[in-house]
Amino acid sequence: REYIRGDRKGWNKEVTETVGLPLLAGITEFFAGDYGKAVQTLTPVMPDVQRLIQGSWAQKDIFQQIHLHSCIRSGTPGDLAIAREILDQKLVNRKIKNHTPLNERFIKKMLTVHETQG
């Protein structure tokens, strides 16, 4: 937080302030087990994470995985809908029509587990 205080200007400050701090807060909430709060924190910044954070797609995918697992572990209908959107967006990004059999089993299990709990 000290990095973004003061008169500092530029791309690094902007990305740290608008994406980095919320991303760090969401990851912290995830590992603290506050999955619903992690979803609330991560969802608004995820498009900017992929666009602005530097690193390989594999490195940035870790953040997306934390977001996905937050949605699933939260288990609310709204958060499960976000999880489904994340998985469906992967199809669009990879230009494929259907989920792999493994992803389909994962989605069915995710929905079944949370439907029986709800």
C-alpha atoms as a PDB file:
ATOM      1  CA  ARG A   1       0.000   0.000   0.000  1.00  0.00           C
ATOM      2  CA  GLU A   2       2.935   2.315   0.576  1.00  0.00           C
ATOM      3  CA  TYR A   3       3.800   1.945  -3.092  1.00  0.00           C
ATOM      4  CA  ILE A   4       0.619   3.720  -4.195  1.00  0.00           C
ATOM      5  CA  ARG A   5       0.649   6.499  -1.614  1.00  0.00           C
ATOM      6  CA  GLY A   6       1.842   9.956  -2.391  1.00  0.00           C
ATOM      7  CA  ASP A   7       2.441  11.687  -5.675  1.00  0.00           C
ATOM      8  CA  ARG A   8       3.546   8.595  -7.544  1.00  0.00           C
ATOM      9  CA  LYS A   9       1.971   8.372 -11.003  1.00  0.00           C
ATOM     10  CA  GLY A  10       1.948   5.955 -13.872  1.00  0.00           C
ATOM     11  CA  TRP A  11       0.781   2.594 -15.106  1.00  0.00           C
ATOM     12  CA  ASN A  12       2.250   0.551 -12.221  1.00  0.00           C
ATOM     13  CA  LYS A  13       0.519   2.669  -9.595  1.00  0.00           C
ATOM     14  CA  GLU A  14      -2.797   2.525 -11.442  1.00  0.00           C
ATOM     15  CA  VAL A  15      -2.698  -1.259 -11.929  1.00  0.00           C
ATOM     16  CA  THR A  16      -1.538  -1.873  -8.363  1.00  0.00           C
ATOM     17  CA  GLU A  17      -4.319   0.310  -6.991  1.00  0.00           C
ATOM     18  CA  THR A  18      -7.181  -0.813  -9.217  1.00  0.00           C
ATOM     19  CA  VAL A  19      -6.317  -4.491  -9.754  1.00  0.00           C
ATOM     20  CA  GLY A  20      -3.465  -5.582  -7.505  1.00  0.00           C
ATOM     21  CA  LEU A  21      -4.930  -4.612  -4.142  1.00  0.00           C
ATOM     22  CA  PRO A  22      -8.393  -6.079  -4.789  1.00  0.00           C
ATOM     23  CA  LEU A  23      -6.777  -9.216  -6.230  1.00  0.00           C
ATOM     24  CA  LEU A  24      -4.649  -9.625  -3.120  1.00  0.00           C
ATOM     25  CA  ALA A  25      -7.668  -9.014  -0.880  1.00  0.00           C
ATOM     26  CA  GLY A  26      -9.729 -11.616  -2.765  1.00  0.00           C
ATOM     27  CA  ILE A  27      -6.964 -14.220  -2.572  1.00  0.00           C
ATOM     28  CA  THR A  28      -6.592 -13.532   1.157  1.00  0.00           C
ATOM     29  CA  GLU A  29     -10.363 -13.956   1.634  1.00  0.00           C
ATOM     30  CA  PHE A  30     -10.264 -17.225  -0.310  1.00  0.00           C
ATOM     31  CA  PHE A  31      -7.506 -18.698   1.842  1.00  0.00           C
ATOM     32  CA  ALA A  32      -9.289 -17.475   4.978  1.00  0.00           C
ATOM     33  CA  GLY A  33     -12.335 -19.482   3.880  1.00  0.00           C
ATOM     34  CA  ASP A  34     -14.552 -16.450   3.248  1.00  0.00           C
ATOM     35  CA  TYR A  35     -15.540 -17.635  -0.219  1.00  0.00           C
ATOM     36  CA  GLY A  36     -18.584 -15.398  -0.693  1.00  0.00           C
ATOM     37  CA  LYS A  37     -16.538 -12.309   0.131  1.00  0.00           C
ATOM     38  CA  ALA A  38     -13.771 -13.518  -2.193  1.00  0.00           C
ATOM     39  CA  VAL A  39     -16.316 -13.773  -5.024  1.00  0.00           C
ATOM     40  CA  GLN A  40     -17.561 -10.242  -4.318  1.00  0.00           C
ATOM     41  CA  THR A  41     -14.003  -8.904  -4.332  1.00  0.00           C
ATOM     42  CA  LEU A  42     -12.634 -10.859  -7.298  1.00  0.00           C
ATOM     43  CA  THR A  43     -15.544 -10.762  -9.755  1.00  0.00           C
ATOM     44  CA  PRO A  44     -15.290  -7.045 -10.630  1.00  0.00           C
ATOM     45  CA  VAL A  45     -11.512  -7.141 -11.212  1.00  0.00           C
ATOM     46  CA  MET A  46     -11.110 -10.427 -13.111  1.00  0.00           C
ATOM     47  CA  PRO A  47     -11.457  -8.906 -16.606  1.00  0.00           C
ATOM     48  CA  ASP A  48      -8.712  -6.418 -15.727  1.00  0.00           C
ATOM     49  CA  VAL A  49      -6.508  -9.151 -14.248  1.00  0.00           C
ATOM     50  CA  GLN A  50      -6.410 -10.925 -17.599  1.00  0.00           C
ATOM     51  CA  ARG A  51      -5.930  -7.672 -19.496  1.00  0.00           C
ATOM     52  CA  LEU A  52      -3.540  -5.681 -17.284  1.00  0.00           C
ATOM     53  CA  ILE A  53      -1.519  -8.031 -15.097  1.00  0.00           C
ATOM     54  CA  GLN A  54       1.690  -9.082 -16.779  1.00  0.00           C
ATOM     55  CA  GLY A  55       2.629 -12.743 -16.936  1.00  0.00           C
ATOM     56  CA  SER A  56       1.868 -15.837 -18.929  1.00  0.00           C
ATOM     57  CA  TRP A  57      -1.680 -17.058 -19.451  1.00  0.00           C
ATOM     58  CA  ALA A  58      -0.826 -20.008 -17.188  1.00  0.00           C
ATOM     59  CA  GLN A  59       0.259 -17.648 -14.407  1.00  0.00           C
ATOM     60  CA  LYS A  60      -2.866 -15.531 -14.788  1.00  0.00           C
ATOM     61  CA  ASP A  61      -5.020 -18.668 -14.920  1.00  0.00           C
ATOM     62  CA  ILE A  62      -4.138 -19.288 -11.261  1.00  0.00           C
ATOM     63  CA  PHE A  63      -6.118 -16.172 -10.351  1.00  0.00           C
ATOM     64  CA  GLN A  64      -9.031 -17.373 -12.462  1.00  0.00           C
ATOM     65  CA  GLN A  65      -8.890 -20.761 -10.736  1.00  0.00           C
ATOM     66  CA  ILE A  66      -9.052 -19.104  -7.312  1.00  0.00           C
ATOM     67  CA  HIS A  67     -12.054 -17.085  -8.512  1.00  0.00           C
ATOM     68  CA  LEU A  68     -13.738 -20.230  -9.882  1.00  0.00           C
ATOM     69  CA  HIS A  69     -13.153 -22.197  -6.687  1.00  0.00           C
ATOM     70  CA  SER A  70     -14.405 -19.273  -4.599  1.00  0.00           C
ATOM     71  CA  CYS A  71     -17.648 -19.329  -6.572  1.00  0.00           C
ATOM     72  CA  ILE A  72     -18.022 -23.074  -6.155  1.00  0.00           C
ATOM     73  CA  ARG A  73     -17.160 -23.165  -2.462  1.00  0.00           C
ATOM     74  CA  SER A  74     -19.486 -20.259  -1.749  1.00  0.00           C
ATOM     75  CA  GLY A  75     -22.241 -22.385  -3.194  1.00  0.00           C
ATOM     76  CA  THR A  76     -24.870 -19.664  -3.547  1.00  0.00           C
ATOM     77  CA  PRO A  77     -26.959 -19.849  -6.718  1.00  0.00           C
ATOM     78  CA  GLY A  78     -25.523 -16.530  -7.927  1.00  0.00           C
ATOM     79  CA  ASP A  79     -21.944 -17.596  -7.324  1.00  0.00           C
ATOM     80  CA  LEU A  80     -22.542 -20.976  -8.996  1.00  0.00           C
ATOM     81  CA  ALA A  81     -23.907 -19.083 -12.001  1.00  0.00           C
ATOM     82  CA  ILE A  82     -20.663 -17.080 -12.101  1.00  0.00           C
ATOM     83  CA  ALA A  83     -18.698 -20.362 -11.942  1.00  0.00           C
ATOM     84  CA  ARG A  84     -20.651 -21.669 -14.919  1.00  0.00           C
ATOM     85  CA  GLU A  85     -19.980 -18.406 -16.809  1.00  0.00           C
ATOM     86  CA  ILE A  86     -16.249 -18.767 -16.112  1.00  0.00           C
ATOM     87  CA  LEU A  87     -16.232 -22.302 -17.501  1.00  0.00           C
ATOM     88  CA  ASP A  88     -18.354 -21.323 -20.514  1.00  0.00           C
ATOM     89  CA  GLN A  89     -16.053 -18.365 -21.233  1.00  0.00           C
ATOM     90  CA  LYS A  90     -13.142 -20.793 -21.431  1.00  0.00           C
ATOM     91  CA  LEU A  91     -14.938 -22.417 -24.379  1.00  0.00           C
ATOM     92  CA  VAL A  92     -15.235 -19.076 -26.144  1.00  0.00           C
ATOM     93  CA  ASN A  93     -11.609 -18.172 -25.435  1.00  0.00           C
ATOM     94  CA  ARG A  94     -10.375 -21.499 -26.753  1.00  0.00           C
ATOM     95  CA  LYS A  95     -12.774 -21.476 -29.718  1.00  0.00           C
ATOM     96  CA  ILE A  96     -14.278 -24.863 -28.915  1.00  0.00           C
ATOM     97  CA  LYS A  97     -17.945 -25.829 -28.913  1.00  0.00           C
ATOM     98  CA  ASN A  98     -18.250 -28.199 -25.967  1.00  0.00           C
ATOM     99  CA  HIS A  99     -16.641 -28.779 -22.625  1.00  0.00           C
ATOM    100  CA  THR A 100     -14.317 -31.724 -22.347  1.00  0.00           C
ATOM    101  CA  PRO A 101     -15.826 -34.821 -20.735  1.00  0.00           C
ATOM    102  CA  LEU A 102     -13.792 -34.024 -17.618  1.00  0.00           C
ATOM    103  CA  ASN A 103     -15.214 -30.490 -17.408  1.00  0.00           C
ATOM    104  CA  GLU A 104     -18.742 -31.805 -17.996  1.00  0.00           C
ATOM    105  CA  ARG A 105     -18.349 -34.256 -15.096  1.00  0.00           C
ATOM    106  CA  PHE A 106     -16.968 -31.445 -12.946  1.00  0.00           C
ATOM    107  CA  ILE A 107     -19.893 -29.141 -13.778  1.00  0.00           C
ATOM    108  CA  LYS A 108     -22.475 -31.868 -13.109  1.00  0.00           C
ATOM    109  CA  LYS A 109     -20.826 -32.769  -9.810  1.00  0.00           C
ATOM    110  CA  MET A 110     -20.598 -29.108  -8.793  1.00  0.00           C
ATOM    111  CA  LEU A 111     -24.266 -28.507  -9.506  1.00  0.00           C
ATOM    112  CA  THR A 112     -25.402 -31.780  -7.917  1.00  0.00           C
ATOM    113  CA  VAL A 113     -23.451 -31.218  -4.710  1.00  0.00           C
ATOM    114  CA  HIS A 114     -24.815 -27.729  -4.252  1.00  0.00           C
ATOM    115  CA  GLU A 115     -28.386 -28.587  -5.272  1.00  0.00           C
ATOM    116  CA  THR A 116     -28.510 -31.256  -2.551  1.00  0.00           C
ATOM    117  CA  GLN A 117     -27.091 -28.819   0.005  1.00  0.00           C
ATOM    118  CA  GLY A 118     -29.430 -25.966  -0.904  1.00  0.00           C
END
